[in-house]
All heavy atoms as atom14 arrays in JSON, in Angstrom:
{
  "sequence": "LPFRLLCKKMGCDIMITEMISAKGLMYNNHKTEVLLLSDESEHPVG",
  "atom14_mask": [
    [1, 1, 1, 1, 1, 1, 1, 1, 0, 0, 0, 0, 0, 0],
    [1, 1, 1, 1, 1, 1, 1, 0, 0, 0, 0, 0, 0, 0],
    [1, 1, 1, 1, 1, 1, 1, 1, 1, 1, 1, 0, 0, 0],
    [1, 1, 1, 1, 1, 1, 1, 1, 1, 1, 1, 0, 0, 0],
    [1, 1, 1, 1, 1, 1, 1, 1, 0, 0, 0, 0, 0, 0],
    [1, 1, 1, 1, 1, 1, 1, 1, 0, 0, 0, 0, 0, 0],
    [1, 1, 1, 1, 1, 1, 0, 0, 0, 0, 0, 0, 0, 0],
    [1, 1, 1, 1, 1, 1, 1, 1, 1, 0, 0, 0, 0, 0],
    [1, 1, 1, 1, 1, 1, 1, 1, 1, 0, 0, 0, 0, 0],
    [1, 1, 1, 1, 1, 1, 1, 1, 0, 0, 0, 0, 0, 0],
    [1, 1, 1, 1, 0, 0, 0, 0, 0, 0, 0, 0, 0, 0],
    [1, 1, 1, 1, 1, 1, 0, 0, 0, 0, 0, 0, 0, 0],
    [1, 1, 1, 1, 1, 1, 1, 1, 0, 0, 0, 0, 0, 0],
    [1, 1, 1, 1, 1, 1, 1, 1, 0, 0, 0, 0, 0, 0],
    [1, 1, 1, 1, 1, 1, 1, 1, 0, 0, 0, 0, 0, 0],
    [1, 1, 1, 1, 1, 1, 1, 1, 0, 0, 0, 0, 0, 0],
    [1, 1, 1, 1, 1, 1, 1, 0, 0, 0, 0, 0, 0, 0],
    [1, 1, 1, 1, 1, 1, 1, 1, 1, 0, 0, 0, 0, 0],
    [1, 1, 1, 1, 1, 1, 1, 1, 0, 0, 0, 0, 0, 0],
    [1, 1, 1, 1, 1, 1, 1, 1, 0, 0, 0, 0, 0, 0],
    [1, 1, 1, 1, 1, 1, 0, 0, 0, 0, 0, 0, 0, 0],
    [1, 1, 1, 1, 1, 0, 0, 0, 0, 0, 0, 0, 0, 0],
    [1, 1, 1, 1, 1, 1, 1, 1, 1, 0, 0, 0, 0, 0],
    [1, 1, 1, 1, 0, 0, 0, 0, 0, 0, 0, 0, 0, 0],
    [1, 1, 1, 1, 1, 1, 1, 1, 0, 0, 0, 0, 0, 0],
    [1, 1, 1, 1, 1, 1, 1, 1, 0, 0, 0, 0, 0, 0],
    [1, 1, 1, 1, 1, 1, 1, 1, 1, 1, 1, 1, 0, 0],
    [1, 1, 1, 1, 1, 1, 1, 1, 0, 0, 0, 0, 0, 0],
    [1, 1, 1, 1, 1, 1, 1, 1, 0, 0, 0, 0, 0, 0],
    [1, 1, 1, 1, 1, 1, 1, 1, 1, 1, 0, 0, 0, 0],
    [1, 1, 1, 1, 1, 1, 1, 1, 1, 0, 0, 0, 0, 0],
    [1, 1, 1, 1, 1, 1, 1, 0, 0, 0, 0, 0, 0, 0],
    [1, 1, 1, 1, 1, 1, 1, 1, 1, 0, 0, 0, 0, 0],
    [1, 1, 1, 1, 1, 1, 1, 0, 0, 0, 0, 0, 0, 0],
    [1, 1, 1, 1, 1, 1, 1, 1, 0, 0, 0, 0, 0, 0],
    [1, 1, 1, 1, 1, 1, 1, 1, 0, 0, 0, 0, 0, 0],
    [1, 1, 1, 1, 1, 1, 1, 1, 0, 0, 0, 0, 0, 0],
    [1, 1, 1, 1, 1, 1, 0, 0, 0, 0, 0, 0, 0, 0],
    [1, 1, 1, 1, 1, 1, 1, 1, 0, 0, 0, 0, 0, 0],
    [1, 1, 1, 1, 1, 1, 1, 1, 1, 0, 0, 0, 0, 0],
    [1, 1, 1, 1, 1, 1, 0, 0, 0, 0, 0, 0, 0, 0],
    [1, 1, 1, 1, 1, 1, 1, 1, 1, 0, 0, 0, 0, 0],
    [1, 1, 1, 1, 1, 1, 1, 1, 1, 1, 0, 0, 0, 0],
    [1, 1, 1, 1, 1, 1, 1, 0, 0, 0, 0, 0, 0, 0],
    [1, 1, 1, 1, 1, 1, 1, 0, 0, 0, 0, 0, 0, 0],
    [1, 1, 1, 1, 0, 0, 0, 0, 0, 0, 0, 0, 0, 0]
  ],
  "atom14_positions": [
    [[102.54, 80.49, 91.7], [102.87, 81.51, 90.96], [102.87, 81.29, 89.42], [102.42, 82.11, 88.7], [104.38, 82.0, 91.47], [104.94, 83.09, 90.68], [103.95, 84.39, 90.78], [106.28, 83.44, 91.14], [0.0, 0.0, 0.0], [0.0, 0.0, 0.0], [0.0, 0.0, 0.0], [0.0, 0.0, 0.0], [0.0, 0.0, 0.0], [0.0, 0.0, 0.0]],
    [[103.44, 80.18, 88.94], [103.41, 79.93, 87.54], [101.85, 80.04, 86.97], [101.67, 80.72, 85.92], [104.02, 78.57, 87.32], [104.85, 78.36, 88.43], [104.19, 79.12, 89.61], [0.0, 0.0, 0.0], [0.0, 0.0, 0.0], [0.0, 0.0, 0.0], [0.0, 0.0, 0.0], [0.0, 0.0, 0.0], [0.0, 0.0, 0.0], [0.0, 0.0, 0.0]],
    [[101.03, 79.36, 87.59], [99.66, 79.4, 87.04], [99.03, 80.81, 87.18], [98.29, 81.22, 86.13], [98.71, 78.39, 87.85], [97.41, 78.23, 87.38], [97.12, 77.65, 86.08], [96.31, 78.72, 88.01], [95.75, 77.47, 85.6], [94.92, 78.53, 87.52], [94.79, 78.04, 86.35], [0.0, 0.0, 0.0], [0.0, 0.0, 0.0], [0.0, 0.0, 0.0]],
    [[99.25, 81.56, 88.21], [98.74, 82.84, 88.3], [99.22, 83.71, 87.21], [98.51, 84.57, 86.68], [99.11, 83.54, 89.7], [98.42, 82.65, 90.93], [98.51, 83.53, 92.12], [99.71, 84.19, 92.54], [100.6, 83.57, 93.23], [100.43, 82.29, 93.79], [101.67, 84.22, 93.7], [0.0, 0.0, 0.0], [0.0, 0.0, 0.0], [0.0, 0.0, 0.0]],
    [[100.53, 83.54, 86.81], [101.08, 84.49, 85.83], [100.39, 84.28, 84.58], [100.21, 85.22, 83.78], [102.65, 84.22, 85.69], [103.44, 84.76, 86.92], [104.88, 84.19, 86.63], [103.46, 86.26, 87.0], [0.0, 0.0, 0.0], [0.0, 0.0, 0.0], [0.0, 0.0, 0.0], [0.0, 0.0, 0.0], [0.0, 0.0, 0.0], [0.0, 0.0, 0.0]],
    [[100.07, 82.97, 84.23], [99.42, 82.63, 82.96], [98.07, 83.23, 83.03], [97.55, 83.69, 81.96], [99.42, 81.13, 82.78], [100.75, 80.45, 82.6], [100.6, 78.94, 82.48], [101.38, 81.07, 81.38], [0.0, 0.0, 0.0], [0.0, 0.0, 0.0], [0.0, 0.0, 0.0], [0.0, 0.0, 0.0], [0.0, 0.0, 0.0], [0.0, 0.0, 0.0]],
    [[97.37, 83.08, 84.11], [95.91, 83.59, 84.2], [95.94, 85.16, 84.08], [95.13, 85.79, 83.55], [95.27, 83.28, 85.55], [94.83, 81.47, 85.66], [0.0, 0.0, 0.0], [0.0, 0.0, 0.0], [0.0, 0.0, 0.0], [0.0, 0.0, 0.0], [0.0, 0.0, 0.0], [0.0, 0.0, 0.0], [0.0, 0.0, 0.0], [0.0, 0.0, 0.0]],
    [[97.04, 85.88, 84.68], [97.1, 87.29, 84.53], [97.38, 87.65, 82.97], [96.75, 88.55, 82.52], [98.4, 87.82, 85.32], [98.5, 89.29, 85.27], [97.47, 89.96, 86.1], [97.73, 91.36, 86.28], [96.66, 92.04, 87.14], [0.0, 0.0, 0.0], [0.0, 0.0, 0.0], [0.0, 0.0, 0.0], [0.0, 0.0, 0.0], [0.0, 0.0, 0.0]],
    [[98.15, 86.88, 82.32], [98.41, 87.08, 80.93], [97.12, 87.0, 80.09], [96.91, 87.79, 79.12], [99.41, 86.04, 80.44], [99.9, 86.22, 79.05], [100.81, 85.09, 78.64], [101.21, 85.18, 77.09], [102.25, 84.14, 76.85], [0.0, 0.0, 0.0], [0.0, 0.0, 0.0], [0.0, 0.0, 0.0], [0.0, 0.0, 0.0], [0.0, 0.0, 0.0]],
    [[96.28, 86.21, 80.63], [94.83, 86.07, 79.78], [93.92, 86.83, 80.27], [92.67, 86.82, 79.91], [94.45, 84.62, 80.01], [95.23, 83.47, 79.32], [95.01, 83.8, 77.45], [96.75, 84.4, 77.06], [0.0, 0.0, 0.0], [0.0, 0.0, 0.0], [0.0, 0.0, 0.0], [0.0, 0.0, 0.0], [0.0, 0.0, 0.0], [0.0, 0.0, 0.0]],
    [[94.17, 87.89, 81.23], [93.16, 88.9, 81.54], [92.55, 88.91, 82.91], [91.78, 89.72, 83.28], [0.0, 0.0, 0.0], [0.0, 0.0, 0.0], [0.0, 0.0, 0.0], [0.0, 0.0, 0.0], [0.0, 0.0, 0.0], [0.0, 0.0, 0.0], [0.0, 0.0, 0.0], [0.0, 0.0, 0.0], [0.0, 0.0, 0.0], [0.0, 0.0, 0.0]],
    [[92.95, 87.93, 83.76], [92.34, 88.0, 85.17], [92.92, 89.27, 85.91], [93.94, 89.75, 85.72], [92.88, 86.75, 85.86], [92.17, 86.54, 87.49], [0.0, 0.0, 0.0], [0.0, 0.0, 0.0], [0.0, 0.0, 0.0], [0.0, 0.0, 0.0], [0.0, 0.0, 0.0], [0.0, 0.0, 0.0], [0.0, 0.0, 0.0], [0.0, 0.0, 0.0]],
    [[91.91, 89.8, 86.73], [92.15, 91.08, 87.26], [92.91, 91.05, 88.67], [93.81, 91.79, 88.98], [90.79, 91.83, 87.64], [90.18, 92.22, 86.32], [90.82, 92.75, 85.32], [88.92, 91.97, 86.16], [0.0, 0.0, 0.0], [0.0, 0.0, 0.0], [0.0, 0.0, 0.0], [0.0, 0.0, 0.0], [0.0, 0.0, 0.0], [0.0, 0.0, 0.0]],
    [[92.52, 89.99, 89.45], [93.03, 89.79, 90.85], [93.4, 88.42, 91.17], [92.69, 87.48, 90.8], [92.0, 90.38, 91.8], [91.75, 91.84, 91.73], [92.6, 90.14, 93.35], [90.61, 92.47, 92.69], [0.0, 0.0, 0.0], [0.0, 0.0, 0.0], [0.0, 0.0, 0.0], [0.0, 0.0, 0.0], [0.0, 0.0, 0.0], [0.0, 0.0, 0.0]],
    [[94.5, 88.22, 91.65], [95.08, 86.87, 91.92], [95.06, 86.67, 93.47], [95.11, 87.62, 94.27], [96.62, 86.74, 91.47], [96.82, 87.19, 90.13], [96.16, 85.99, 89.06], [95.84, 87.24, 87.7], [0.0, 0.0, 0.0], [0.0, 0.0, 0.0], [0.0, 0.0, 0.0], [0.0, 0.0, 0.0], [0.0, 0.0, 0.0], [0.0, 0.0, 0.0]],
    [[95.03, 85.43, 93.81], [95.04, 84.95, 95.38], [95.92, 83.67, 95.39], [95.7, 82.79, 94.5], [93.67, 84.77, 96.02], [92.83, 85.99, 95.75], [93.91, 84.39, 97.53], [91.4, 85.88, 96.39], [0.0, 0.0, 0.0], [0.0, 0.0, 0.0], [0.0, 0.0, 0.0], [0.0, 0.0, 0.0], [0.0, 0.0, 0.0], [0.0, 0.0, 0.0]],
    [[96.77, 83.62, 96.25], [97.64, 82.45, 96.42], [96.96, 81.27, 96.77], [95.72, 81.34, 97.23], [98.78, 82.72, 97.4], [98.06, 82.71, 98.82], [99.55, 84.01, 97.24], [0.0, 0.0, 0.0], [0.0, 0.0, 0.0], [0.0, 0.0, 0.0], [0.0, 0.0, 0.0], [0.0, 0.0, 0.0], [0.0, 0.0, 0.0], [0.0, 0.0, 0.0]],
    [[97.59, 80.09, 96.89], [97.1, 78.95, 97.57], [96.99, 79.22, 98.97], [97.63, 80.15, 99.42], [97.99, 77.67, 97.34], [98.37, 77.43, 95.85], [99.39, 76.25, 95.86], [99.26, 75.16, 96.26], [100.55, 76.67, 95.43], [0.0, 0.0, 0.0], [0.0, 0.0, 0.0], [0.0, 0.0, 0.0], [0.0, 0.0, 0.0], [0.0, 0.0, 0.0]],
    [[96.07, 78.56, 99.82], [95.88, 78.8, 101.12], [97.19, 78.46, 101.88], [97.78, 77.41, 101.66], [94.73, 78.17, 101.74], [94.71, 76.59, 101.69], [93.15, 75.96, 102.38], [93.61, 74.29, 102.69], [0.0, 0.0, 0.0], [0.0, 0.0, 0.0], [0.0, 0.0, 0.0], [0.0, 0.0, 0.0], [0.0, 0.0, 0.0], [0.0, 0.0, 0.0]],
    [[97.46, 79.23, 102.9], [98.72, 79.01, 103.72], [98.3, 78.93, 105.25], [97.62, 79.8, 105.64], [99.62, 80.19, 103.54], [100.17, 80.27, 102.0], [100.95, 80.11, 104.47], [100.91, 81.5, 101.64], [0.0, 0.0, 0.0], [0.0, 0.0, 0.0], [0.0, 0.0, 0.0], [0.0, 0.0, 0.0], [0.0, 0.0, 0.0], [0.0, 0.0, 0.0]],
    [[98.92, 77.99, 105.96], [98.6, 77.84, 107.18], [99.3, 78.93, 108.07], [100.47, 79.24, 108.06], [99.03, 76.47, 107.84], [99.28, 76.49, 109.15], [0.0, 0.0, 0.0], [0.0, 0.0, 0.0], [0.0, 0.0, 0.0], [0.0, 0.0, 0.0], [0.0, 0.0, 0.0], [0.0, 0.0, 0.0], [0.0, 0.0, 0.0], [0.0, 0.0, 0.0]],
    [[98.55, 79.63, 108.89], [99.03, 80.61, 109.75], [100.09, 80.1, 110.76], [101.14, 80.67, 111.08], [97.94, 81.43, 110.55], [0.0, 0.0, 0.0], [0.0, 0.0, 0.0], [0.0, 0.0, 0.0], [0.0, 0.0, 0.0], [0.0, 0.0, 0.0], [0.0, 0.0, 0.0], [0.0, 0.0, 0.0], [0.0, 0.0, 0.0], [0.0, 0.0, 0.0]],
    [[99.81, 78.89, 111.26], [100.63, 78.19, 112.15], [101.95, 77.94, 111.56], [103.03, 77.94, 112.0], [99.96, 77.02, 112.84], [98.98, 77.29, 113.79], [98.28, 75.98, 114.43], [97.25, 76.27, 115.34], [96.62, 75.09, 115.94], [0.0, 0.0, 0.0], [0.0, 0.0, 0.0], [0.0, 0.0, 0.0], [0.0, 0.0, 0.0], [0.0, 0.0, 0.0]],
    [[101.85, 77.32, 110.28], [103.01, 76.91, 109.45], [103.88, 78.08, 109.25], [105.07, 78.04, 109.24], [0.0, 0.0, 0.0], [0.0, 0.0, 0.0], [0.0, 0.0, 0.0], [0.0, 0.0, 0.0], [0.0, 0.0, 0.0], [0.0, 0.0, 0.0], [0.0, 0.0, 0.0], [0.0, 0.0, 0.0], [0.0, 0.0, 0.0], [0.0, 0.0, 0.0]],
    [[103.19, 79.21, 108.92], [103.99, 80.51, 108.71], [104.64, 81.06, 109.95], [105.82, 81.44, 110.02], [103.09, 81.62, 108.2], [103.56, 82.84, 107.62], [104.46, 82.65, 106.34], [102.41, 83.81, 107.3], [0.0, 0.0, 0.0], [0.0, 0.0, 0.0], [0.0, 0.0, 0.0], [0.0, 0.0, 0.0], [0.0, 0.0, 0.0], [0.0, 0.0, 0.0]],
    [[104.03, 80.85, 111.05], [104.52, 81.26, 112.44], [105.76, 80.48, 112.68], [106.79, 81.0, 113.25], [103.46, 81.12, 113.55], [103.98, 81.53, 114.84], [102.56, 81.57, 116.12], [102.41, 79.73, 116.29], [0.0, 0.0, 0.0], [0.0, 0.0, 0.0], [0.0, 0.0, 0.0], [0.0, 0.0, 0.0], [0.0, 0.0, 0.0], [0.0, 0.0, 0.0]],
    [[105.78, 79.12, 112.4], [106.83, 78.17, 112.75], [107.89, 78.23, 111.53], [108.71, 77.21, 111.55], [106.38, 76.91, 113.07], [105.51, 76.9, 114.35], [104.26, 76.5, 114.48], [106.17, 77.27, 115.6], [103.61, 76.46, 115.59], [105.49, 77.21, 116.82], [104.14, 76.83, 116.74], [103.43, 76.86, 117.96], [0.0, 0.0, 0.0], [0.0, 0.0, 0.0]],
    [[107.75, 79.05, 110.54], [108.63, 79.08, 109.42], [108.7, 77.74, 108.74], [109.89, 77.3, 108.36], [110.11, 79.55, 109.96], [110.04, 81.04, 110.47], [109.53, 81.79, 109.86], [110.64, 81.12, 111.56], [0.0, 0.0, 0.0], [0.0, 0.0, 0.0], [0.0, 0.0, 0.0], [0.0, 0.0, 0.0], [0.0, 0.0, 0.0], [0.0, 0.0, 0.0]],
    [[107.63, 77.08, 108.54], [107.63, 75.82, 107.81], [108.08, 76.1, 106.47], [107.7, 76.92, 105.68], [106.15, 75.25, 107.81], [106.01, 73.95, 107.2], [106.51, 73.68, 106.14], [105.36, 72.97, 107.83], [0.0, 0.0, 0.0], [0.0, 0.0, 0.0], [0.0, 0.0, 0.0], [0.0, 0.0, 0.0], [0.0, 0.0, 0.0], [0.0, 0.0, 0.0]],
    [[109.02, 75.18, 105.95], [109.83, 75.37, 104.62], [108.66, 75.31, 103.5], [109.0, 75.9, 102.46], [110.92, 74.48, 104.42], [110.47, 72.9, 104.38], [110.06, 72.17, 105.33], [110.27, 72.32, 103.16], [109.73, 71.0, 104.91], [109.86, 71.01, 103.56], [0.0, 0.0, 0.0], [0.0, 0.0, 0.0], [0.0, 0.0, 0.0], [0.0, 0.0, 0.0]],
    [[107.62, 74.58, 103.74], [106.66, 74.37, 102.61], [105.94, 75.68, 102.36], [105.28, 75.85, 101.32], [105.71, 73.35, 103.08], [106.19, 71.96, 103.06], [105.18, 70.89, 103.47], [105.82, 69.46, 103.52], [104.74, 68.42, 103.91], [0.0, 0.0, 0.0], [0.0, 0.0, 0.0], [0.0, 0.0, 0.0], [0.0, 0.0, 0.0], [0.0, 0.0, 0.0]],
    [[105.94, 76.6, 103.34], [105.26, 77.84, 103.06], [106.04, 78.77, 102.23], [105.4, 79.82, 101.6], [104.82, 78.55, 104.32], [106.09, 78.98, 105.01], [104.06, 77.68, 105.3], [0.0, 0.0, 0.0], [0.0, 0.0, 0.0], [0.0, 0.0, 0.0], [0.0, 0.0, 0.0], [0.0, 0.0, 0.0], [0.0, 0.0, 0.0], [0.0, 0.0, 0.0]],
    [[107.35, 78.73, 102.06], [108.2, 79.59, 101.32], [107.8, 79.7, 99.92], [107.6, 80.84, 99.3], [109.59, 79.14, 101.52], [110.18, 79.12, 102.83], [111.64, 78.71, 102.97], [112.27, 78.45, 101.89], [112.12, 78.49, 104.12], [0.0, 0.0, 0.0], [0.0, 0.0, 0.0], [0.0, 0.0, 0.0], [0.0, 0.0, 0.0], [0.0, 0.0, 0.0]],
    [[107.58, 78.62, 99.12], [107.24, 78.67, 97.81], [105.85, 79.19, 97.56], [105.49, 79.86, 96.61], [107.4, 77.34, 97.15], [106.37, 76.41, 97.59], [107.33, 77.44, 95.6], [0.0, 0.0, 0.0], [0.0, 0.0, 0.0], [0.0, 0.0, 0.0], [0.0, 0.0, 0.0], [0.0, 0.0, 0.0], [0.0, 0.0, 0.0], [0.0, 0.0, 0.0]],
    [[104.89, 78.98, 98.6], [103.62, 79.47, 98.42], [103.5, 81.03, 98.63], [102.49, 81.62, 98.14], [102.66, 78.85, 99.61], [102.54, 77.42, 99.65], [101.7, 76.96, 100.8], [101.96, 76.95, 98.25], [0.0, 0.0, 0.0], [0.0, 0.0, 0.0], [0.0, 0.0, 0.0], [0.0, 0.0, 0.0], [0.0, 0.0, 0.0], [0.0, 0.0, 0.0]],
    [[104.6, 81.59, 99.14], [104.61, 83.04, 99.37], [105.24, 83.87, 98.22], [105.34, 85.1, 98.19], [105.35, 83.36, 100.74], [104.63, 83.12, 102.09], [105.52, 83.25, 103.24], [103.39, 83.97, 102.06], [0.0, 0.0, 0.0], [0.0, 0.0, 0.0], [0.0, 0.0, 0.0], [0.0, 0.0, 0.0], [0.0, 0.0, 0.0], [0.0, 0.0, 0.0]],
    [[105.65, 83.16, 97.25], [106.4, 83.82, 96.12], [105.4, 84.63, 95.3], [104.31, 84.09, 95.06], [107.12, 82.77, 95.34], [108.36, 82.07, 95.88], [108.81, 80.97, 95.0], [109.43, 83.15, 96.2], [0.0, 0.0, 0.0], [0.0, 0.0, 0.0], [0.0, 0.0, 0.0], [0.0, 0.0, 0.0], [0.0, 0.0, 0.0], [0.0, 0.0, 0.0]],
    [[105.76, 85.76, 95.0], [104.88, 86.53, 94.05], [105.84, 87.23, 93.08], [107.03, 87.2, 93.16], [104.16, 87.56, 94.84], [104.97, 88.53, 95.56], [0.0, 0.0, 0.0], [0.0, 0.0, 0.0], [0.0, 0.0, 0.0], [0.0, 0.0, 0.0], [0.0, 0.0, 0.0], [0.0, 0.0, 0.0], [0.0, 0.0, 0.0], [0.0, 0.0, 0.0]],
    [[105.17, 87.81, 92.11], [105.86, 88.47, 91.04], [105.31, 90.0, 90.77], [104.11, 90.22, 90.93], [105.75, 87.67, 89.7], [106.61, 88.35, 88.65], [107.77, 87.97, 88.52], [106.19, 89.21, 87.8], [0.0, 0.0, 0.0], [0.0, 0.0, 0.0], [0.0, 0.0, 0.0], [0.0, 0.0, 0.0], [0.0, 0.0, 0.0], [0.0, 0.0, 0.0]],
    [[106.23, 90.77, 90.46], [105.76, 92.24, 90.22], [104.66, 92.4, 89.16], [103.76, 93.18, 89.33], [106.96, 93.13, 89.85], [106.6, 94.57, 89.58], [106.47, 95.29, 90.93], [106.97, 94.83, 91.95], [105.86, 96.34, 90.91], [0.0, 0.0, 0.0], [0.0, 0.0, 0.0], [0.0, 0.0, 0.0], [0.0, 0.0, 0.0], [0.0, 0.0, 0.0]],
    [[104.6, 91.59, 88.23], [103.64, 91.57, 87.15], [102.29, 91.13, 87.45], [101.35, 91.33, 86.68], [104.19, 90.89, 85.93], [104.21, 89.37, 86.27], [0.0, 0.0, 0.0], [0.0, 0.0, 0.0], [0.0, 0.0, 0.0], [0.0, 0.0, 0.0], [0.0, 0.0, 0.0], [0.0, 0.0, 0.0], [0.0, 0.0, 0.0], [0.0, 0.0, 0.0]],
    [[102.03, 90.41, 88.62], [100.82, 89.87, 88.89], [99.89, 90.74, 89.75], [98.79, 90.45, 89.96], [100.9, 88.42, 89.46], [101.55, 88.49, 90.86], [101.46, 87.14, 91.42], [100.49, 86.34, 91.22], [102.36, 86.77, 92.31], [0.0, 0.0, 0.0], [0.0, 0.0, 0.0], [0.0, 0.0, 0.0], [0.0, 0.0, 0.0], [0.0, 0.0, 0.0]],
    [[100.34, 91.92, 90.22], [99.51, 92.73, 91.12], [98.3, 93.28, 90.43], [98.24, 93.42, 89.18], [100.41, 93.97, 91.59], [101.42, 93.48, 92.44], [101.17, 93.21, 93.84], [102.71, 93.4, 92.4], [102.38, 92.94, 94.49], [103.31, 93.07, 93.54], [0.0, 0.0, 0.0], [0.0, 0.0, 0.0], [0.0, 0.0, 0.0], [0.0, 0.0, 0.0]],
    [[97.23, 93.39, 91.24], [97.13, 93.07, 92.54], [96.9, 91.6, 92.94], [96.24, 90.9, 92.2], [95.91, 93.91, 92.92], [94.94, 93.93, 91.8], [96.02, 93.93, 90.59], [0.0, 0.0, 0.0], [0.0, 0.0, 0.0], [0.0, 0.0, 0.0], [0.0, 0.0, 0.0], [0.0, 0.0, 0.0], [0.0, 0.0, 0.0], [0.0, 0.0, 0.0]],
    [[97.62, 91.14, 94.0], [97.57, 89.82, 94.34], [97.44, 89.78, 95.88], [98.01, 90.49, 96.57], [98.95, 89.16, 94.01], [100.11, 89.8, 94.48], [98.86, 87.7, 94.43], [0.0, 0.0, 0.0], [0.0, 0.0, 0.0], [0.0, 0.0, 0.0], [0.0, 0.0, 0.0], [0.0, 0.0, 0.0], [0.0, 0.0, 0.0], [0.0, 0.0, 0.0]],
    [[96.63, 88.79, 96.35], [96.31, 88.59, 97.82], [97.03, 87.28, 98.19], [97.04, 86.35, 97.42], [0.0, 0.0, 0.0], [0.0, 0.0, 0.0], [0.0, 0.0, 0.0], [0.0, 0.0, 0.0], [0.0, 0.0, 0.0], [0.0, 0.0, 0.0], [0.0, 0.0, 0.0], [0.0, 0.0, 0.0], [0.0, 0.0, 0.0], [0.0, 0.0, 0.0]]
  ]
}
């Protein structure tokens, strides 16, 4: 999220998160929580 916000500020149109494991997400792996953080100002974001 911090890096994406800076890229958005510099004119990037669309953001995408770091890759996230579907299995990790399914098992509520704590490491996925921070990867899922987004901010209203960065839309559109995938």
